[in-house]
Amino acid sequence: MTFFGVHAGPQMCTMDELRQVWRASEDLGFDWVSIWDHFYANPRAFDESCFEAVASQAALAATTSRVRVGSLVYSAGYRHPAVLANAAVTIDHISNGRLELGVGAGWHKPEYEGYGIPFETPGVRLRRLAESIEIIRALWTTDVVDYDGEFYTLRGARCVPKPVQPSARIWVGGTQPKALALASRLGDAWNVAAVSPKEFEQKYEIVRQNAPDPDRLATGVNLVYVGVGENGLEAELRKRLYDPTQSQLTDNMLVADDMSRVADRVKEYVDAGVQWIILNIRAPFDLDPLRRFAEEVIPLFRS
């Protein structure tokens, strides 16, 4: 079955505007709404507003009643796993068991530098991420946790209460071979952003080959989704809100100019193995493209 979600970056907007997007996404029939984990608005908009992720995800949980409440993704580099595990459990209780916890190695160097947090090498960040996932899962499933790792040491650690869900799902983000191996080994789900269907299929095969139970692993892809005016100006402006140097973001966008073409593109991802199609939107929010997607695309995959 194919599921659909909305990923709304909590930046360059007000909290009221975010809540409007969250409610609209649920009312339109989407299955998922998620936030990201940044302290600075991206890209290069460091003087713009950017809401903190844990508080935002808690607000998302309290504002909605049906959608899965996601994070894509928390950075292991500036989130202590024991503290994050407790915060995530609280969000699972606020949402009555709708938590989807995404974690990643972290990548946005200016945030680390600005906050005085060491920005480690990719290999070190991945090892830290692995320990974080192990600790979070242990605290969710074990009464008392002792842990000795390269980065973290826990002694008699407790996390009470446990999640509402018997097994809250941990999503791992990443595209590089070591990140794919980590996702398949430790994650319940794997998420990737801005890849083509062919690229997804190739990376998914690597993940499946290394997963203890490939059929259990959920999959998701984040796709930039934009509205378009008569001359395409709106789409071009929204492209620039991301990063014009990151061609993979703009090359794999969904543009709401021809919904049959959007549906065909979504089918390519589904055929490649994607279970969760997540539409990545940014302020200034335009709800009309979401409405069109919900009315013209989602029903094609629900029949």
Protein backbone atom coordinates (compact mmCIF):
# COMPACT_ATOMS: atom_id res chain seq x y z
CA MET A 1 0.00 0.00 0.00
CA THR A 2 1.15 3.52 -0.75
CA PHE A 3 0.99 6.24 1.89
CA PHE A 4 1.30 9.99 1.42
CA GLY A 5 2.66 12.69 3.68
CA VAL A 6 3.61 16.35 3.97
CA HIS A 7 6.99 17.51 5.26
CA ALA A 8 6.75 21.18 6.23
CA GLY A 9 9.96 22.84 7.33
CA PRO A 10 9.24 24.95 10.45
CA GLN A 11 11.08 27.97 9.12
CA MET A 12 10.41 31.42 7.65
CA CYS A 13 6.81 31.30 8.90
CA THR A 14 4.69 31.74 12.01
CA MET A 15 3.49 28.91 14.23
CA ASP A 16 -0.08 29.72 13.24
CA GLU A 17 0.86 29.19 9.59
CA LEU A 18 2.43 25.85 10.45
CA ARG A 19 -0.64 24.72 12.35
CA GLN A 20 -2.78 25.67 9.36
CA VAL A 21 -0.64 23.42 7.12
CA TRP A 22 -0.80 20.56 9.63
CA ARG A 23 -4.58 20.72 9.96
CA ALA A 24 -5.09 21.09 6.21
CA SER A 25 -2.84 18.09 5.49
CA GLU A 26 -4.88 15.94 7.85
CA ASP A 27 -8.22 17.21 6.54
CA LEU A 28 -7.13 16.55 2.94
CA GLY A 29 -6.45 12.89 3.71
CA PHE A 30 -2.67 12.74 3.94
CA ASP A 31 -1.32 9.98 6.20
CA TRP A 32 1.72 11.74 7.63
CA VAL A 33 3.01 15.17 8.59
CA SER A 34 6.61 15.79 9.66
CA ILE A 35 9.08 18.46 10.70
CA TRP A 36 12.85 18.74 10.42
CA ASP A 37 15.59 19.40 12.97
CA HIS A 38 17.45 22.65 12.33
CA PHE A 39 18.32 25.77 14.27
CA TYR A 40 18.96 27.96 11.23
CA ALA A 41 16.61 28.41 8.28
CA ASN A 42 17.99 26.86 5.11
CA PRO A 43 19.62 27.70 2.87
CA ARG A 44 21.57 30.78 3.87
CA ALA A 45 18.54 32.43 5.52
CA PHE A 46 20.16 32.53 8.93
CA ASP A 47 18.33 35.68 10.04
CA GLU A 48 14.91 34.16 9.36
CA SER A 49 12.75 32.35 11.91
CA CYS A 50 13.35 28.65 12.51
CA PHE A 51 11.40 26.80 15.21
CA GLU A 52 13.04 24.12 17.35
CA ALA A 53 12.14 20.58 16.31
CA VAL A 54 11.16 18.74 19.52
CA ALA A 55 8.75 21.48 20.56
CA SER A 56 7.42 21.69 17.00
CA GLN A 57 6.82 17.95 16.80
CA ALA A 58 5.01 18.05 20.14
CA ALA A 59 2.83 20.89 18.82
CA LEU A 60 2.17 18.86 15.67
CA ALA A 61 1.08 15.91 17.83
CA ALA A 62 -1.28 18.10 19.82
CA THR A 63 -2.72 19.86 16.76
CA THR A 64 -3.62 16.71 14.80
CA SER A 65 -5.58 13.57 15.64
CA ARG A 66 -5.02 11.04 12.84
CA VAL A 67 -1.83 11.56 10.81
CA ARG A 68 1.47 9.95 11.69
CA VAL A 69 3.63 12.50 13.52
CA GLY A 70 7.09 12.41 11.98
CA SER A 71 10.56 13.92 12.18
CA LEU A 72 12.91 13.87 9.21
CA VAL A 73 15.38 13.80 10.76
CA TYR A 74 16.80 14.59 14.20
CA SER A 75 20.55 15.13 14.15
CA ALA A 76 22.48 12.72 16.35
CA GLY A 77 25.27 15.30 16.47
CA TYR A 78 23.37 17.71 18.70
CA ARG A 79 20.73 15.46 20.29
CA HIS A 80 21.78 13.28 23.23
CA PRO A 81 20.04 9.96 22.51
CA ALA A 82 18.76 9.38 26.05
CA VAL A 83 17.19 12.84 26.17
CA LEU A 84 15.75 12.40 22.66
CA ALA A 85 14.34 8.99 23.61
CA ASN A 86 12.43 10.58 26.49
CA ALA A 87 11.19 13.47 24.36
CA ALA A 88 10.02 11.06 21.67
CA VAL A 89 8.10 8.96 24.18
CA THR A 90 6.35 12.10 25.41
CA ILE A 91 5.37 12.96 21.82
CA ASP A 92 4.09 9.41 21.32
CA HIS A 93 1.84 9.85 24.35
CA ILE A 94 0.66 13.31 23.26
CA SER A 95 -0.28 11.82 19.87
CA ASN A 96 -1.73 8.60 21.32
CA GLY A 97 0.74 6.38 19.52
CA ARG A 98 1.37 8.21 16.24
CA LEU A 99 5.10 8.91 16.59
CA GLU A 100 7.50 8.31 13.68
CA LEU A 101 11.05 9.08 14.85
CA GLY A 102 13.59 9.91 12.17
CA VAL A 103 17.28 10.24 13.01
CA GLY A 104 20.33 11.04 10.93
CA ALA A 105 24.01 11.85 11.20
CA GLY A 106 23.60 15.62 10.70
CA TRP A 107 25.03 17.70 7.91
CA HIS A 108 24.51 21.47 8.29
CA LYS A 109 27.91 22.66 9.48
CA PRO A 110 27.00 26.33 10.24
CA GLU A 111 24.63 25.23 13.00
CA TYR A 112 27.30 23.18 14.71
CA GLU A 113 29.85 25.97 14.43
CA GLY A 114 27.44 28.63 15.63
CA TYR A 115 26.43 26.63 18.68
CA GLY A 116 29.93 25.44 19.54
CA ILE A 117 29.20 21.78 18.76
CA PRO A 118 32.02 19.82 17.12
CA PHE A 119 31.26 18.98 13.49
CA GLU A 120 32.85 15.56 13.22
CA THR A 121 33.97 13.66 10.15
CA PRO A 122 31.33 11.66 8.26
CA GLY A 123 32.61 8.36 9.65
CA VAL A 124 32.51 9.61 13.23
CA ARG A 125 29.02 11.06 12.76
CA LEU A 126 27.75 7.73 11.45
CA ARG A 127 29.23 5.84 14.40
CA ARG A 128 27.59 8.33 16.75
CA LEU A 129 24.29 7.83 14.93
CA ALA A 130 24.56 4.06 15.34
CA GLU A 131 25.07 4.41 19.09
CA SER A 132 22.16 6.83 19.29
CA ILE A 133 19.77 4.38 17.64
CA GLU A 134 20.93 1.55 19.89
CA ILE A 135 20.40 3.67 23.01
CA ILE A 136 16.98 4.97 21.97
CA ARG A 137 15.73 1.48 21.19
CA ALA A 138 17.15 0.08 24.42
CA LEU A 139 15.50 2.78 26.52
CA TRP A 140 12.17 2.18 24.80
CA THR A 141 12.22 -1.58 25.32
CA THR A 142 14.27 -2.25 28.47
CA ASP A 143 13.52 -1.28 32.06
CA VAL A 144 17.12 -0.46 33.05
CA VAL A 145 19.87 0.26 30.52
CA ASP A 146 23.64 0.07 30.92
CA TYR A 147 25.56 1.09 27.83
CA ASP A 148 29.27 1.47 27.10
CA GLY A 149 30.04 3.05 23.76
CA GLU A 150 32.58 5.20 22.00
CA PHE A 151 30.47 8.33 22.58
CA TYR A 152 27.93 7.53 25.29
CA THR A 153 27.93 5.78 28.64
CA LEU A 154 24.70 4.99 30.48
CA ARG A 155 24.43 3.54 33.98
CA GLY A 156 21.09 2.32 35.28
CA ALA A 157 19.29 4.52 32.77
CA ARG A 158 15.50 4.45 32.71
CA CYS A 159 12.84 5.79 30.37
CA VAL A 160 9.39 5.71 31.95
CA PRO A 161 6.77 5.52 30.57
CA LYS A 162 7.47 3.47 27.46
CA PRO A 163 6.00 4.45 24.09
CA VAL A 164 2.28 3.92 23.53
CA GLN A 165 3.13 1.87 20.46
CA PRO A 166 4.48 -1.63 21.15
CA SER A 167 7.30 -0.87 18.72
CA ALA A 168 7.66 2.79 17.77
CA ARG A 169 9.33 3.03 14.37
CA ILE A 170 12.79 4.53 13.90
CA TRP A 171 13.51 6.00 10.46
CA VAL A 172 17.12 6.39 9.34
CA GLY A 173 18.00 8.88 6.63
CA GLY A 174 20.92 8.56 4.24
CA THR A 175 22.17 7.89 0.72
CA GLN A 176 25.83 6.92 1.03
CA PRO A 177 26.84 3.21 1.27
CA LYS A 178 27.75 3.29 4.98
CA ALA A 179 24.54 5.13 5.84
CA LEU A 180 22.53 2.60 3.81
CA ALA A 181 24.18 -0.26 5.68
CA LEU A 182 23.41 1.41 8.99
CA ALA A 183 19.78 1.98 8.02
CA SER A 184 19.32 -1.65 7.03
CA ARG A 185 21.03 -2.95 10.18
CA LEU A 186 19.48 -0.70 12.84
CA GLY A 187 16.45 1.04 11.35
CA ASP A 188 12.81 0.10 11.05
CA ALA A 189 12.47 2.35 8.03
CA TRP A 190 14.71 4.13 5.52
CA ASN A 191 14.10 7.59 4.11
CA VAL A 192 15.92 9.41 1.34
CA ALA A 193 15.45 12.82 -0.24
CA ALA A 194 15.51 14.05 -3.83
CA VAL A 195 16.57 10.96 -5.75
CA SER A 196 15.18 9.68 -9.02
CA PRO A 197 13.14 6.46 -9.09
CA LYS A 198 16.10 4.64 -10.64
CA GLU A 199 18.47 5.93 -7.95
CA PHE A 200 16.01 4.91 -5.26
CA GLU A 201 15.70 1.42 -6.68
CA GLN A 202 19.48 0.99 -6.76
CA LYS A 203 19.94 2.18 -3.19
CA TYR A 204 16.94 0.21 -1.95
CA GLU A 205 18.50 -2.98 -3.29
CA ILE A 206 21.60 -2.30 -1.18
CA VAL A 207 19.43 -1.71 1.88
CA ARG A 208 17.45 -4.91 1.31
CA GLN A 209 20.58 -6.99 0.86
CA ASN A 210 21.83 -5.94 4.30
CA ALA A 211 18.54 -5.91 6.24
CA PRO A 212 17.86 -8.76 8.70
CA ASP A 213 14.21 -8.78 7.56
CA PRO A 214 13.91 -6.87 4.25
CA ASP A 215 10.14 -7.19 4.03
CA ARG A 216 9.71 -5.50 7.42
CA LEU A 217 11.65 -2.36 6.44
CA ALA A 218 9.46 0.62 5.51
CA THR A 219 10.65 3.00 2.79
CA GLY A 220 10.05 6.66 2.09
CA VAL A 221 11.19 9.36 -0.28
CA ASN A 222 11.03 13.14 0.22
CA LEU A 223 10.17 15.02 -2.96
CA VAL A 224 10.15 18.79 -3.31
CA TYR A 225 6.59 19.74 -4.27
CA VAL A 226 5.81 23.21 -5.60
CA GLY A 227 2.94 25.10 -7.13
CA VAL A 228 3.33 26.78 -10.49
CA GLY A 229 1.95 29.97 -11.95
CA GLU A 230 1.09 30.58 -15.58
CA ASN A 231 4.68 31.39 -16.50
CA GLY A 232 6.42 29.05 -14.08
CA LEU A 233 7.74 31.95 -12.00
CA GLU A 234 6.46 30.55 -8.71
CA ALA A 235 8.20 27.24 -9.26
CA GLU A 236 11.44 28.96 -10.13
CA LEU A 237 11.30 31.14 -7.01
CA ARG A 238 10.65 28.12 -4.82
CA LYS A 239 13.58 26.31 -6.38
CA ARG A 240 15.78 29.14 -5.18
CA LEU A 241 14.43 28.75 -1.64
CA TYR A 242 16.28 25.45 -1.50
CA ASP A 243 19.73 25.69 -2.96
CA PRO A 244 20.38 26.38 -6.64
CA THR A 245 23.71 24.57 -6.33
CA GLN A 246 21.99 21.32 -5.32
CA SER A 247 20.73 20.21 -8.71
CA GLN A 248 19.45 16.90 -7.32
CA LEU A 249 16.79 18.83 -5.39
CA THR A 250 15.48 20.69 -8.40
CA ASP A 251 15.88 17.87 -10.92
CA ASN A 252 13.63 15.59 -8.87
CA MET A 253 10.90 18.08 -8.03
CA LEU A 254 7.20 17.50 -8.48
CA VAL A 255 5.64 20.60 -10.03
CA ALA A 256 1.86 20.98 -9.79
CA ASP A 257 1.32 22.05 -13.39
CA ASP A 258 0.06 18.74 -14.82
CA MET A 259 -1.34 16.39 -12.19
CA SER A 260 -1.44 13.43 -14.56
CA ARG A 261 2.29 13.86 -15.04
CA VAL A 262 2.74 14.12 -11.27
CA ALA A 263 0.76 10.88 -10.85
CA ASP A 264 2.90 9.13 -13.45
CA ARG A 265 6.04 10.22 -11.63
CA VAL A 266 4.67 9.02 -8.29
CA LYS A 267 3.92 5.64 -9.87
CA GLU A 268 7.55 5.38 -10.97
CA TYR A 269 8.62 5.78 -7.34
CA VAL A 270 6.03 3.28 -6.13
CA ASP A 271 7.17 0.75 -8.74
CA ALA A 272 10.74 1.27 -7.50
CA GLY A 273 9.71 0.24 -3.98
CA VAL A 274 8.69 3.48 -2.25
CA GLN A 275 5.93 2.98 0.32
CA TRP A 276 5.73 6.54 1.68
CA ILE A 277 5.64 9.51 -0.71
CA ILE A 278 6.43 12.63 1.34
CA LEU A 279 5.82 16.04 -0.24
CA ASN A 280 8.44 18.52 0.89
CA ILE A 281 6.99 22.05 1.11
CA ARG A 282 8.32 25.37 2.41
CA ALA A 283 6.97 28.76 3.34
CA PRO A 284 5.36 30.78 1.96
CA PHE A 285 2.89 27.90 2.10
CA ASP A 286 0.42 27.41 -0.74
CA LEU A 287 -2.29 24.90 0.17
CA ASP A 288 -3.82 24.70 -3.30
CA PRO A 289 -1.15 22.33 -4.71
CA LEU A 290 -1.69 20.06 -1.68
CA ARG A 291 -5.43 20.09 -2.32
CA ARG A 292 -4.91 19.23 -5.99
CA PHE A 293 -2.55 16.40 -5.10
CA ALA A 294 -5.02 15.03 -2.54
CA GLU A 295 -7.94 15.22 -4.96
CA GLU A 296 -6.26 14.17 -8.21
CA VAL A 297 -3.33 11.92 -7.29
CA ILE A 298 -3.92 10.13 -3.99
CA PRO A 299 -7.21 8.45 -5.08
CA LEU A 300 -5.37 6.79 -7.97
CA PHE A 301 -3.30 4.83 -5.46
CA ARG A 302 -6.14 4.05 -3.04
CA SER A 303 -8.44 2.18 -5.43
